[in-house]
Amino acid sequence: MIYSASELSRLARTYCEHRDLTLAGLGERVFGNHKFFKLLEAGKGAHSRKLEEASVWFLDNWPPDAPWPSDIERPRPTSEAA
């Protein structure tokens, strides 16, 4: 699943609030680029490959104790679907 730029911005803000991180810190963690989520938040967009990488990162690294935004679809992990 590839999330839109607006959905990724929402996931980034939620993740940062839960982990007490800045968007710059999250960008460093995910891409080694402190500007990525700040630019996304500013409406600058991103290449589809980067959107996919960020989507996969959130699905793989979401903290189990953090609430996932209810208005953003979250696929079940493959191991649970079987």
C-alpha atoms as a PDB file:
ATOM      1  CA  MET A   1       0.000   0.000   0.000  1.00  0.00           C
ATOM      2  CA  ILE A   2       1.285   3.438  -0.901  1.00  0.00           C
ATOM      3  CA  TYR A   3      -0.035   6.319   1.166  1.00  0.00           C
ATOM      4  CA  SER A   4      -0.604   9.778  -0.253  1.00  0.00           C
ATOM      5  CA  ALA A   5       1.565  12.709   0.765  1.00  0.00           C
ATOM      6  CA  SER A   6      -1.186  14.015   3.057  1.00  0.00           C
ATOM      7  CA  GLU A   7      -1.638  10.608   4.703  1.00  0.00           C
ATOM      8  CA  LEU A   8       2.124  10.295   5.213  1.00  0.00           C
ATOM      9  CA  SER A   9       2.216  13.760   6.751  1.00  0.00           C
ATOM     10  CA  ARG A  10      -0.508  12.712   9.174  1.00  0.00           C
ATOM     11  CA  LEU A  11       1.295   9.459  10.009  1.00  0.00           C
ATOM     12  CA  ALA A  12       4.544  11.369  10.491  1.00  0.00           C
ATOM     13  CA  ARG A  13       2.946  13.871  12.879  1.00  0.00           C
ATOM     14  CA  THR A  14       1.266  11.083  14.859  1.00  0.00           C
ATOM     15  CA  TYR A  15       4.472   9.039  15.029  1.00  0.00           C
ATOM     16  CA  CYS A  16       6.507  12.084  16.094  1.00  0.00           C
ATOM     17  CA  GLU A  17       4.054  12.974  18.846  1.00  0.00           C
ATOM     18  CA  HIS A  18       4.194   9.435  20.191  1.00  0.00           C
ATOM     19  CA  ARG A  19       7.995   9.127  19.977  1.00  0.00           C
ATOM     20  CA  ASP A  20       8.701  12.743  20.993  1.00  0.00           C
ATOM     21  CA  LEU A  21      10.546  13.389  17.722  1.00  0.00           C
ATOM     22  CA  THR A  22      10.624  16.293  15.315  1.00  0.00           C
ATOM     23  CA  LEU A  23       9.766  15.876  11.650  1.00  0.00           C
ATOM     24  CA  ALA A  24      13.444  16.529  10.927  1.00  0.00           C
ATOM     25  CA  GLY A  25      14.463  13.738  13.304  1.00  0.00           C
ATOM     26  CA  LEU A  26      11.996  11.359  11.693  1.00  0.00           C
ATOM     27  CA  GLY A  27      13.274  12.267   8.232  1.00  0.00           C
ATOM     28  CA  GLU A  28      16.816  11.451   9.365  1.00  0.00           C
ATOM     29  CA  ARG A  29      15.643   8.136  10.791  1.00  0.00           C
ATOM     30  CA  VAL A  30      13.687   7.077   7.704  1.00  0.00           C
ATOM     31  CA  PHE A  31      15.729   8.532   4.830  1.00  0.00           C
ATOM     32  CA  GLY A  32      18.837  10.158   6.248  1.00  0.00           C
ATOM     33  CA  ASN A  33      17.237  13.417   5.065  1.00  0.00           C
ATOM     34  CA  HIS A  34      15.985  15.855   7.691  1.00  0.00           C
ATOM     35  CA  LYS A  35      14.028  17.851   5.087  1.00  0.00           C
ATOM     36  CA  PHE A  36      11.788  15.072   3.688  1.00  0.00           C
ATOM     37  CA  PHE A  37       8.796  15.272   6.034  1.00  0.00           C
ATOM     38  CA  LYS A  38       9.055  19.044   6.406  1.00  0.00           C
ATOM     39  CA  LEU A  39       8.832  19.408   2.614  1.00  0.00           C
ATOM     40  CA  LEU A  40       5.971  16.925   2.464  1.00  0.00           C
ATOM     41  CA  GLU A  41       4.168  18.864   5.186  1.00  0.00           C
ATOM     42  CA  ALA A  42       4.695  22.072   3.191  1.00  0.00           C
ATOM     43  CA  GLY A  43       2.932  20.508   0.211  1.00  0.00           C
ATOM     44  CA  LYS A  44       6.055  20.025  -1.896  1.00  0.00           C
ATOM     45  CA  GLY A  45       5.232  16.394  -2.701  1.00  0.00           C
ATOM     46  CA  ALA A  46       7.666  13.581  -3.363  1.00  0.00           C
ATOM     47  CA  HIS A  47       8.559  10.989  -5.964  1.00  0.00           C
ATOM     48  CA  SER A  48       6.307   7.928  -5.845  1.00  0.00           C
ATOM     49  CA  ARG A  49       9.278   5.738  -4.904  1.00  0.00           C
ATOM     50  CA  LYS A  50       9.870   7.835  -1.782  1.00  0.00           C
ATOM     51  CA  LEU A  51       6.180   7.746  -0.897  1.00  0.00           C
ATOM     52  CA  GLU A  52       6.288   3.972  -1.171  1.00  0.00           C
ATOM     53  CA  GLU A  53       9.449   3.726   0.954  1.00  0.00           C
ATOM     54  CA  ALA A  54       7.905   5.920   3.654  1.00  0.00           C
ATOM     55  CA  SER A  55       4.665   3.905   3.537  1.00  0.00           C
ATOM     56  CA  VAL A  56       6.528   0.635   4.023  1.00  0.00           C
ATOM     57  CA  TRP A  57       8.639   2.156   6.797  1.00  0.00           C
ATOM     58  CA  PHE A  58       5.569   3.223   8.776  1.00  0.00           C
ATOM     59  CA  LEU A  59       3.896  -0.151   8.325  1.00  0.00           C
ATOM     60  CA  ASP A  60       7.056  -1.950   9.464  1.00  0.00           C
ATOM     61  CA  ASN A  61       8.022   0.399  12.303  1.00  0.00           C
ATOM     62  CA  TRP A  62       4.780   1.630  13.839  1.00  0.00           C
ATOM     63  CA  PRO A  63       4.987   1.349  17.643  1.00  0.00           C
ATOM     64  CA  PRO A  64       2.522  -1.246  18.952  1.00  0.00           C
ATOM     65  CA  ASP A  65       1.377   1.130  21.697  1.00  0.00           C
ATOM     66  CA  ALA A  66       0.731   4.084  19.344  1.00  0.00           C
ATOM     67  CA  PRO A  67      -2.753   4.635  17.928  1.00  0.00           C
ATOM     68  CA  TRP A  68      -2.947   4.431  14.144  1.00  0.00           C
ATOM     69  CA  PRO A  69      -5.083   7.274  12.735  1.00  0.00           C
ATOM     70  CA  SER A  70      -8.576   5.833  12.302  1.00  0.00           C
ATOM     71  CA  ASP A  71      -9.171   7.575   8.976  1.00  0.00           C
ATOM     72  CA  ILE A  72      -6.100   5.993   7.321  1.00  0.00           C
ATOM     73  CA  GLU A  73      -6.386   2.398   6.157  1.00  0.00           C
ATOM     74  CA  ARG A  74      -3.866   0.030   7.679  1.00  0.00           C
ATOM     75  CA  PRO A  75      -3.426  -3.337   5.998  1.00  0.00           C
ATOM     76  CA  ARG A  76      -2.961  -6.362   8.186  1.00  0.00           C
ATOM     77  CA  PRO A  77       0.556  -7.784   8.223  1.00  0.00           C
ATOM     78  CA  THR A  78       0.954 -10.840   6.030  1.00  0.00           C
ATOM     79  CA  SER A  79       1.745 -13.066   9.014  1.00  0.00           C
ATOM     80  CA  GLU A  80      -1.638 -12.230  10.615  1.00  0.00           C
ATOM     81  CA  ALA A  81      -3.584 -12.603   7.387  1.00  0.00           C
ATOM     82  CA  ALA A  82      -2.708 -16.280   7.002  1.00  0.00           C
END
